[in-house]
């Protein structure tokens, strides 16, 4: 399964049925799981931990050292889960002393020319569309989607099941279950289409809608809105995840837009 003209260091650990196409380079401290395909002209550097049945397309660079001047050569990793696809010319940097690892979950799709910087943590079933750029320390929850040509500021958090529109500049946290759209980036409603596709019931979706109406439409500040939601809404996984995400946000969450397109504080 190893084609001619590849270079695989003797210290790399590849499962027996891994396929590596010509002109790829695999460095020593690398582990690759069963059934994974490595396309041509891929470079996999020290610290890569790649799961089973992944597909890595030509030109990708996995586990290069961080583009962080504070990096001092510490031993860190890139961890990629099972069944994840990395398309052409994607770059994924390994972690720093902050988290010691960069993580991409299972069943993810990272499209061409995207960049995932050091210490990012990406959940399962996530999609990064073409030319998405994640700065360091970004966290994405499960099932989150970022449309193409978007850039995410360092330390930002994107909640589970969130959808971010194409060409977005993400400088605030994006709570779970919502759509974030326009420029500047604003709340654009609940990601009801995505939730339906993933098996959420109409009752669950309507409850999420009602929670975000309190947060964005009732004129309450964030503290008041969360206290009201805790008192007036029944406990559920969705309610508790929204409350926890917003309370733990350090950058603040995206605001509500006005009809003229400006952000309403």
C-alpha atoms as a PDB file:
ATOM      1  CA  UNK A   1       0.000   0.000   0.000  1.00  0.00           C
ATOM      2  CA  UNK A   2       3.090   2.255   0.059  1.00  0.00           C
ATOM      3  CA  UNK A   3       3.815   3.665  -3.412  1.00  0.00           C
ATOM      4  CA  UNK A   4       7.302   4.347  -4.789  1.00  0.00           C
ATOM      5  CA  UNK A   5       8.844   7.790  -4.312  1.00  0.00           C
ATOM      6  CA  UNK A   6       7.392   8.243  -0.822  1.00  0.00           C
ATOM      7  CA  UNK A   7       9.523   8.877   2.250  1.00  0.00           C
ATOM      8  CA  UNK A   8       8.358   7.280   5.492  1.00  0.00           C
ATOM      9  CA  UNK A   9      10.663   7.503   8.485  1.00  0.00           C
ATOM     10  CA  UNK A  10      11.285   4.208  10.236  1.00  0.00           C
ATOM     11  CA  UNK A  11       9.988   5.731  13.474  1.00  0.00           C
ATOM     12  CA  UNK A  12       6.503   6.376  12.057  1.00  0.00           C
ATOM     13  CA  UNK A  13       3.776   3.897  12.991  1.00  0.00           C
ATOM     14  CA  UNK A  14       1.366   3.105  10.175  1.00  0.00           C
ATOM     15  CA  UNK A  15      -1.357   0.463  10.371  1.00  0.00           C
ATOM     16  CA  UNK A  16      -0.827  -2.353   7.828  1.00  0.00           C
ATOM     17  CA  UNK A  17      -3.533  -1.215   5.399  1.00  0.00           C
ATOM     18  CA  UNK A  18      -2.693   2.491   5.259  1.00  0.00           C
ATOM     19  CA  UNK A  19      -2.214   3.687   1.674  1.00  0.00           C
ATOM     20  CA  UNK A  20       0.362   6.379   0.882  1.00  0.00           C
ATOM     21  CA  UNK A  21       0.594   7.815  -2.629  1.00  0.00           C
ATOM     22  CA  UNK A  22       3.841   8.976  -4.303  1.00  0.00           C
ATOM     23  CA  UNK A  23       5.894  11.992  -3.232  1.00  0.00           C
ATOM     24  CA  UNK A  24       4.480  12.215   0.298  1.00  0.00           C
ATOM     25  CA  UNK A  25       6.722  12.604   3.361  1.00  0.00           C
ATOM     26  CA  UNK A  26       5.961  11.167   6.798  1.00  0.00           C
ATOM     27  CA  UNK A  27       8.180  12.160   9.725  1.00  0.00           C
ATOM     28  CA  UNK A  28       9.171   9.919  12.696  1.00  0.00           C
ATOM     29  CA  UNK A  29       6.755  10.732  15.531  1.00  0.00           C
ATOM     30  CA  UNK A  30       3.597   9.930  13.569  1.00  0.00           C
ATOM     31  CA  UNK A  31       0.796   7.409  14.127  1.00  0.00           C
ATOM     32  CA  UNK A  32      -1.755   6.628  11.374  1.00  0.00           C
ATOM     33  CA  UNK A  33      -4.749   4.331  11.873  1.00  0.00           C
ATOM     34  CA  UNK A  34      -6.243   1.565   9.762  1.00  0.00           C
ATOM     35  CA  UNK A  35      -7.746   2.286   6.364  1.00  0.00           C
ATOM     36  CA  UNK A  36      -6.436   5.833   6.062  1.00  0.00           C
ATOM     37  CA  UNK A  37      -5.406   7.145   2.642  1.00  0.00           C
ATOM     38  CA  UNK A  38      -2.634   9.716   2.252  1.00  0.00           C
ATOM     39  CA  UNK A  39      -2.636  11.407  -1.154  1.00  0.00           C
ATOM     40  CA  UNK A  40       0.414  12.560  -3.074  1.00  0.00           C
ATOM     41  CA  UNK A  41       2.582  15.491  -1.977  1.00  0.00           C
ATOM     42  CA  UNK A  42       1.286  15.383   1.612  1.00  0.00           C
ATOM     43  CA  UNK A  43       3.663  16.249   4.459  1.00  0.00           C
ATOM     44  CA  UNK A  44       2.918  14.753   7.886  1.00  0.00           C
ATOM     45  CA  UNK A  45       5.289  16.035  10.545  1.00  0.00           C
ATOM     46  CA  UNK A  46       6.230  15.035  14.099  1.00  0.00           C
ATOM     47  CA  UNK A  47       3.345  14.819  16.527  1.00  0.00           C
ATOM     48  CA  UNK A  48       0.570  13.769  14.121  1.00  0.00           C
ATOM     49  CA  UNK A  49      -1.959  11.252  15.452  1.00  0.00           C
ATOM     50  CA  UNK A  50      -4.364  10.340  12.656  1.00  0.00           C
ATOM     51  CA  UNK A  51      -7.316   8.017  13.170  1.00  0.00           C
ATOM     52  CA  UNK A  52      -8.911   5.269  11.104  1.00  0.00           C
ATOM     53  CA  UNK A  53     -10.396   5.634   7.616  1.00  0.00           C
ATOM     54  CA  UNK A  54      -9.295   9.230   7.140  1.00  0.00           C
ATOM     55  CA  UNK A  55      -8.619  10.755   3.726  1.00  0.00           C
ATOM     56  CA  UNK A  56      -5.887  13.358   3.344  1.00  0.00           C
ATOM     57  CA  UNK A  57      -5.754  14.957  -0.091  1.00  0.00           C
ATOM     58  CA  UNK A  58      -2.714  16.210  -2.030  1.00  0.00           C
ATOM     59  CA  UNK A  59      -0.768  19.161  -0.721  1.00  0.00           C
ATOM     60  CA  UNK A  60      -1.958  19.017   2.889  1.00  0.00           C
ATOM     61  CA  UNK A  61       0.537  19.740   5.678  1.00  0.00           C
ATOM     62  CA  UNK A  62      -0.272  18.166   9.032  1.00  0.00           C
ATOM     63  CA  UNK A  63       1.422  18.968  12.363  1.00  0.00           C
ATOM     64  CA  UNK A  64       3.877  21.661  11.344  1.00  0.00           C
ATOM     65  CA  UNK A  65       5.179  23.681  14.283  1.00  0.00           C
ATOM     66  CA  UNK A  66       2.930  26.558  15.446  1.00  0.00           C
ATOM     67  CA  UNK A  67       3.151  29.989  13.861  1.00  0.00           C
ATOM     68  CA  UNK A  68       3.549  31.404  17.355  1.00  0.00           C
ATOM     69  CA  UNK A  69       6.704  33.228  18.431  1.00  0.00           C
ATOM     70  CA  UNK A  70       6.222  31.954  21.989  1.00  0.00           C
ATOM     71  CA  UNK A  71       6.615  28.343  20.831  1.00  0.00           C
ATOM     72  CA  UNK A  72       9.822  26.954  22.296  1.00  0.00           C
ATOM     73  CA  UNK A  73      10.023  23.489  20.764  1.00  0.00           C
ATOM     74  CA  UNK A  74       7.837  21.741  23.339  1.00  0.00           C
ATOM     75  CA  UNK A  75       6.520  18.283  22.498  1.00  0.00           C
ATOM     76  CA  UNK A  76       2.960  18.698  21.226  1.00  0.00           C
ATOM     77  CA  UNK A  77       0.542  16.960  18.856  1.00  0.00           C
ATOM     78  CA  UNK A  78      -2.148  17.187  16.236  1.00  0.00           C
ATOM     79  CA  UNK A  79      -4.917  14.648  16.862  1.00  0.00           C
ATOM     80  CA  UNK A  80      -7.366  13.788  14.073  1.00  0.00           C
ATOM     81  CA  UNK A  81     -10.293  11.456  14.746  1.00  0.00           C
ATOM     82  CA  UNK A  82     -11.707   8.639  12.620  1.00  0.00           C
ATOM     83  CA  UNK A  83     -13.418   9.118   9.228  1.00  0.00           C
ATOM     84  CA  UNK A  84     -12.265  12.704   8.824  1.00  0.00           C
ATOM     85  CA  UNK A  85     -11.456  14.179   5.414  1.00  0.00           C
ATOM     86  CA  UNK A  86      -8.726  16.780   4.922  1.00  0.00           C
ATOM     87  CA  UNK A  87      -8.855  18.310   1.447  1.00  0.00           C
ATOM     88  CA  UNK A  88      -6.192  19.878  -0.761  1.00  0.00           C
ATOM     89  CA  UNK A  89      -3.586  22.266   0.712  1.00  0.00           C
ATOM     90  CA  UNK A  90      -5.048  22.332   4.215  1.00  0.00           C
ATOM     91  CA  UNK A  91      -2.537  23.250   6.934  1.00  0.00           C
ATOM     92  CA  UNK A  92      -2.937  22.124  10.542  1.00  0.00           C
ATOM     93  CA  UNK A  93      -0.411  23.257  13.167  1.00  0.00           C
ATOM     94  CA  UNK A  94       0.349  21.345  16.329  1.00  0.00           C
ATOM     95  CA  UNK A  95      -0.257  22.710  19.813  1.00  0.00           C
ATOM     96  CA  UNK A  96       1.773  24.865  22.157  1.00  0.00           C
ATOM     97  CA  UNK A  97       2.295  24.819  25.913  1.00  0.00           C
ATOM     98  CA  UNK A  98      -1.265  26.177  26.298  1.00  0.00           C
ATOM     99  CA  UNK A  99      -3.100  22.935  25.417  1.00  0.00           C
ATOM    100  CA  UNK A 100      -0.234  20.810  24.093  1.00  0.00           C
ATOM    101  CA  UNK A 101      -2.432  19.667  21.225  1.00  0.00           C
ATOM    102  CA  UNK A 102      -4.587  20.679  18.295  1.00  0.00           C
ATOM    103  CA  UNK A 103      -7.633  18.440  17.886  1.00  0.00           C
ATOM    104  CA  UNK A 104      -9.959  17.689  14.968  1.00  0.00           C
ATOM    105  CA  UNK A 105     -12.723  15.258  15.856  1.00  0.00           C
ATOM    106  CA  UNK A 106     -14.224  12.335  13.970  1.00  0.00           C
ATOM    107  CA  UNK A 107     -16.383  12.555  10.836  1.00  0.00           C
ATOM    108  CA  UNK A 108     -15.223  16.088  10.025  1.00  0.00           C
ATOM    109  CA  UNK A 109     -14.678  17.706   6.637  1.00  0.00           C
ATOM    110  CA  UNK A 110     -11.979  20.353   6.254  1.00  0.00           C
ATOM    111  CA  UNK A 111     -12.165  21.763   2.736  1.00  0.00           C
ATOM    112  CA  UNK A 112      -9.369  23.023   0.520  1.00  0.00           C
ATOM    113  CA  UNK A 113      -6.971  25.812   1.553  1.00  0.00           C
ATOM    114  CA  UNK A 114      -8.262  25.975   5.123  1.00  0.00           C
ATOM    115  CA  UNK A 115      -5.893  26.643   8.024  1.00  0.00           C
ATOM    116  CA  UNK A 116      -6.254  25.373  11.593  1.00  0.00           C
ATOM    117  CA  UNK A 117      -3.793  27.042  13.941  1.00  0.00           C
ATOM    118  CA  UNK A 118      -2.227  25.796  17.160  1.00  0.00           C
ATOM    119  CA  UNK A 119      -4.348  24.654  20.108  1.00  0.00           C
ATOM    120  CA  UNK A 120      -7.660  24.667  18.246  1.00  0.00           C
ATOM    121  CA  UNK A 121     -10.215  22.116  19.439  1.00  0.00           C
ATOM    122  CA  UNK A 122     -12.761  21.048  16.815  1.00  0.00           C
ATOM    123  CA  UNK A 123     -15.578  18.674  17.726  1.00  0.00           C
ATOM    124  CA  UNK A 124     -17.109  15.816  15.773  1.00  0.00           C
ATOM    125  CA  UNK A 125     -19.102  16.174  12.517  1.00  0.00           C
ATOM    126  CA  UNK A 126     -17.797  19.712  11.887  1.00  0.00           C
ATOM    127  CA  UNK A 127     -17.388  21.291   8.454  1.00  0.00           C
ATOM    128  CA  UNK A 128     -14.875  23.998   7.560  1.00  0.00           C
ATOM    129  CA  UNK A 129     -15.608  25.154   4.031  1.00  0.00           C
ATOM    130  CA  UNK A 130     -13.029  26.316   1.488  1.00  0.00           C
ATOM    131  CA  UNK A 131     -10.421  28.786   2.732  1.00  0.00           C
ATOM    132  CA  UNK A 132     -11.676  28.937   6.313  1.00  0.00           C
ATOM    133  CA  UNK A 133      -8.976  30.364   8.582  1.00  0.00           C
ATOM    134  CA  UNK A 134      -8.903  29.555  12.316  1.00  0.00           C
ATOM    135  CA  UNK A 135      -6.474  31.477  14.509  1.00  0.00           C
ATOM    136  CA  UNK A 136      -5.027  29.858  17.617  1.00  0.00           C
ATOM    137  CA  UNK A 137      -7.037  28.474  20.536  1.00  0.00           C
ATOM    138  CA  UNK A 138     -10.398  28.439  18.705  1.00  0.00           C
ATOM    139  CA  UNK A 139     -12.993  25.942  19.993  1.00  0.00           C
ATOM    140  CA  UNK A 140     -15.791  24.510  17.812  1.00  0.00           C
ATOM    141  CA  UNK A 141     -18.596  22.361  19.184  1.00  0.00           C
ATOM    142  CA  UNK A 142     -19.961  19.232  17.499  1.00  0.00           C
ATOM    143  CA  UNK A 143     -21.837  19.694  14.192  1.00  0.00           C
ATOM    144  CA  UNK A 144     -20.743  23.331  13.794  1.00  0.00           C
ATOM    145  CA  UNK A 145     -20.349  24.573  10.206  1.00  0.00           C
ATOM    146  CA  UNK A 146     -18.306  27.497   8.889  1.00  0.00           C
ATOM    147  CA  UNK A 147     -19.003  28.549   5.305  1.00  0.00           C
ATOM    148  CA  UNK A 148     -16.197  29.501   2.940  1.00  0.00           C
ATOM    149  CA  UNK A 149     -13.784  32.447   3.078  1.00  0.00           C
ATOM    150  CA  UNK A 150     -14.376  33.003   6.802  1.00  0.00           C
ATOM    151  CA  UNK A 151     -11.810  33.953   9.443  1.00  0.00           C
ATOM    152  CA  UNK A 152     -12.090  33.272  13.176  1.00  0.00           C
ATOM    153  CA  UNK A 153     -10.267  35.386  15.785  1.00  0.00           C
ATOM    154  CA  UNK A 154      -8.023  33.648  18.310  1.00  0.00           C
ATOM    155  CA  UNK A 155      -9.667  32.328  21.491  1.00  0.00           C
ATOM    156  CA  UNK A 156     -13.142  32.521  19.934  1.00  0.00           C
ATOM    157  CA  UNK A 157     -15.695  29.799  20.650  1.00  0.00           C
ATOM    158  CA  UNK A 158     -18.338  28.437  18.299  1.00  0.00           C
ATOM    159  CA  UNK A 159     -21.167  26.451  19.860  1.00  0.00           C
ATOM    160  CA  UNK A 160     -22.515  23.081  18.792  1.00  0.00           C
ATOM    161  CA  UNK A 161     -24.828  23.066  15.752  1.00  0.00           C
ATOM    162  CA  UNK A 162     -23.994  26.695  14.943  1.00  0.00           C
ATOM    163  CA  UNK A 163     -23.794  27.840  11.333  1.00  0.00           C
ATOM    164  CA  UNK A 164     -21.577  30.750  10.246  1.00  0.00           C
ATOM    165  CA  UNK A 165     -22.267  32.339   6.882  1.00  0.00           C
ATOM    166  CA  UNK A 166     -19.668  32.673   4.137  1.00  0.00           C
ATOM    167  CA  UNK A 167     -17.130  35.485   4.209  1.00  0.00           C
ATOM    168  CA  UNK A 168     -17.618  36.096   7.931  1.00  0.00           C
ATOM    169  CA  UNK A 169     -15.151  37.703  10.324  1.00  0.00           C
ATOM    170  CA  UNK A 170     -15.754  36.017  13.670  1.00  0.00           C
ATOM    171  CA  UNK A 171     -14.471  38.102  16.591  1.00  0.00           C
ATOM    172  CA  UNK A 172     -17.142  37.225  19.169  1.00  0.00           C
ATOM    173  CA  UNK A 173     -18.340  33.863  20.462  1.00  0.00           C
ATOM    174  CA  UNK A 174     -21.184  32.231  18.511  1.00  0.00           C
ATOM    175  CA  UNK A 175     -23.659  30.444  20.832  1.00  0.00           C
ATOM    176  CA  UNK A 176     -24.940  26.940  20.062  1.00  0.00           C
ATOM    177  CA  UNK A 177     -27.811  26.253  17.653  1.00  0.00           C
ATOM    178  CA  UNK A 178     -27.796  29.652  15.927  1.00  0.00           C
ATOM    179  CA  UNK A 179     -26.943  31.135  12.550  1.00  0.00           C
ATOM    180  CA  UNK A 180     -24.415  33.973  12.517  1.00  0.00           C
ATOM    181  CA  UNK A 181     -24.556  36.109   9.372  1.00  0.00           C
ATOM    182  CA  UNK A 182     -23.944  39.567   7.857  1.00  0.00           C
ATOM    183  CA  UNK A 183     -21.130  42.028   8.480  1.00  0.00           C
ATOM    184  CA  UNK A 184     -20.492  42.870  11.241  1.00  0.00           C
ATOM    185  CA  UNK A 185     -21.385  39.339  12.316  1.00  0.00           C
ATOM    186  CA  UNK A 186     -24.801  39.212  14.008  1.00  0.00           C
ATOM    187  CA  UNK A 187     -27.424  36.784  15.264  1.00  0.00           C
ATOM    188  CA  UNK A 188     -29.446  35.536  12.286  1.00  0.00           C
ATOM    189  CA  UNK A 189     -31.925  33.194  13.943  1.00  0.00           C
ATOM    190  CA  UNK A 190     -31.810  29.557  14.979  1.00  0.00           C
ATOM    191  CA  UNK A 191     -30.236  26.951  12.688  1.00  0.00           C
ATOM    192  CA  UNK A 192     -33.551  25.136  12.382  1.00  0.00           C
ATOM    193  CA  UNK A 193     -32.728  23.440   9.066  1.00  0.00           C
ATOM    194  CA  UNK A 194     -29.566  21.898  10.469  1.00  0.00           C
ATOM    195  CA  UNK A 195     -31.342  20.820  13.659  1.00  0.00           C
ATOM    196  CA  UNK A 196     -34.144  19.115  11.694  1.00  0.00           C
ATOM    197  CA  UNK A 197     -31.570  17.214   9.637  1.00  0.00           C
ATOM    198  CA  UNK A 198     -29.997  15.933  12.864  1.00  0.00           C
ATOM    199  CA  UNK A 199     -33.238  14.662  14.355  1.00  0.00           C
ATOM    200  CA  UNK A 200     -34.290  17.493  16.654  1.00  0.00           C
ATOM    201  CA  UNK A 201     -38.050  17.592  17.167  1.00  0.00           C
ATOM    202  CA  UNK A 202     -40.242  20.610  16.444  1.00  0.00           C
ATOM    203  CA  UNK A 203     -40.832  20.972  20.187  1.00  0.00           C
ATOM    204  CA  UNK A 204     -37.067  21.146  20.858  1.00  0.00           C
ATOM    205  CA  UNK A 205     -36.469  23.627  18.030  1.00  0.00           C
ATOM    206  CA  UNK A 206     -39.326  25.883  19.165  1.00  0.00           C
ATOM    207  CA  UNK A 207     -37.971  25.886  22.705  1.00  0.00           C
ATOM    208  CA  UNK A 208     -34.537  26.922  21.418  1.00  0.00           C
ATOM    209  CA  UNK A 209     -36.220  29.680  19.396  1.00  0.00           C
ATOM    210  CA  UNK A 210     -38.063  30.915  22.484  1.00  0.00           C
ATOM    211  CA  UNK A 211     -34.845  30.972  24.511  1.00  0.00           C
ATOM    212  CA  UNK A 212     -33.060  33.094  21.919  1.00  0.00           C
ATOM    213  CA  UNK A 213     -36.047  35.441  21.668  1.00  0.00           C
ATOM    214  CA  UNK A 214     -35.493  36.189  25.347  1.00  0.00           C
ATOM    215  CA  UNK A 215     -31.756  36.731  24.821  1.00  0.00           C
ATOM    216  CA  UNK A 216     -32.005  38.886  21.703  1.00  0.00           C
ATOM    217  CA  UNK A 217     -35.503  40.392  21.482  1.00  0.00           C
ATOM    218  CA  UNK A 218     -36.759  41.317  24.958  1.00  0.00           C
ATOM    219  CA  UNK A 219     -34.418  44.172  25.746  1.00  0.00           C
ATOM    220  CA  UNK A 220     -32.758  42.402  28.686  1.00  0.00           C
ATOM    221  CA  UNK A 221     -29.058  42.429  29.367  1.00  0.00           C
ATOM    222  CA  UNK A 222     -27.283  39.084  29.281  1.00  0.00           C
ATOM    223  CA  UNK A 223     -27.432  38.467  33.036  1.00  0.00           C
ATOM    224  CA  UNK A 224     -31.131  39.300  33.207  1.00  0.00           C
ATOM    225  CA  UNK A 225     -31.910  37.121  30.188  1.00  0.00           C
ATOM    226  CA  UNK A 226     -30.117  34.072  31.586  1.00  0.00           C
ATOM    227  CA  UNK A 227     -31.816  34.455  34.978  1.00  0.00           C
ATOM    228  CA  UNK A 228     -35.212  34.686  33.266  1.00  0.00           C
ATOM    229  CA  UNK A 229     -34.490  31.591  31.165  1.00  0.00           C
ATOM    230  CA  UNK A 230     -33.479  29.581  34.223  1.00  0.00           C
ATOM    231  CA  UNK A 231     -36.665  30.544  36.027  1.00  0.00           C
ATOM    232  CA  UNK A 232     -39.178  30.300  33.199  1.00  0.00           C
ATOM    233  CA  UNK A 233     -37.940  27.449  30.976  1.00  0.00           C
ATOM    234  CA  UNK A 234     -37.920  23.801  31.904  1.00  0.00           C
ATOM    235  CA  UNK A 235     -34.540  22.186  32.365  1.00  0.00           C
ATOM    236  CA  UNK A 236     -33.260  20.508  29.197  1.00  0.00           C
ATOM    237  CA  UNK A 237     -29.938  19.689  27.610  1.00  0.00           C
ATOM    238  CA  UNK A 238     -30.427  22.477  25.072  1.00  0.00           C
ATOM    239  CA  UNK A 239     -31.371  25.116  27.647  1.00  0.00           C
ATOM    240  CA  UNK A 240     -28.492  24.213  29.927  1.00  0.00           C
ATOM    241  CA  UNK A 241     -25.967  24.175  27.065  1.00  0.00           C
ATOM    242  CA  UNK A 242     -27.011  27.660  25.941  1.00  0.00           C
ATOM    243  CA  UNK A 243     -26.833  29.066  29.476  1.00  0.00           C
ATOM    244  CA  UNK A 244     -23.467  27.447  30.184  1.00  0.00           C
ATOM    245  CA  UNK A 245     -21.949  28.605  26.891  1.00  0.00           C
ATOM    246  CA  UNK A 246     -22.984  32.223  27.344  1.00  0.00           C
ATOM    247  CA  UNK A 247     -21.939  32.387  30.998  1.00  0.00           C
ATOM    248  CA  UNK A 248     -18.513  30.982  30.180  1.00  0.00           C
ATOM    249  CA  UNK A 249     -17.947  33.284  27.201  1.00  0.00           C
ATOM    250  CA  UNK A 250     -14.918  35.504  27.685  1.00  0.00           C
ATOM    251  CA  UNK A 251     -15.137  37.423  24.421  1.00  0.00           C
ATOM    252  CA  UNK A 252     -18.884  38.037  24.602  1.00  0.00           C
ATOM    253  CA  UNK A 253     -21.451  36.678  22.167  1.00  0.00           C
ATOM    254  CA  UNK A 254     -22.533  38.019  18.789  1.00  0.00           C
ATOM    255  CA  UNK A 255     -25.129  40.808  18.992  1.00  0.00           C
ATOM    256  CA  UNK A 256     -28.513  41.252  17.405  1.00  0.00           C
ATOM    257  CA  UNK A 257     -28.632  43.201  14.161  1.00  0.00           C
ATOM    258  CA  UNK A 258     -31.074  45.988  13.365  1.00  0.00           C
ATOM    259  CA  UNK A 259     -33.056  46.405  10.163  1.00  0.00           C
ATOM    260  CA  UNK A 260     -30.417  48.775   8.858  1.00  0.00           C
ATOM    261  CA  UNK A 261     -27.740  46.131   9.340  1.00  0.00           C
ATOM    262  CA  UNK A 262     -25.908  47.740  12.277  1.00  0.00           C
ATOM    263  CA  UNK A 263     -25.297  45.922  15.532  1.00  0.00           C
ATOM    264  CA  UNK A 264     -27.662  46.784  18.354  1.00  0.00           C
ATOM    265  CA  UNK A 265     -25.813  46.763  21.672  1.00  0.00           C
END
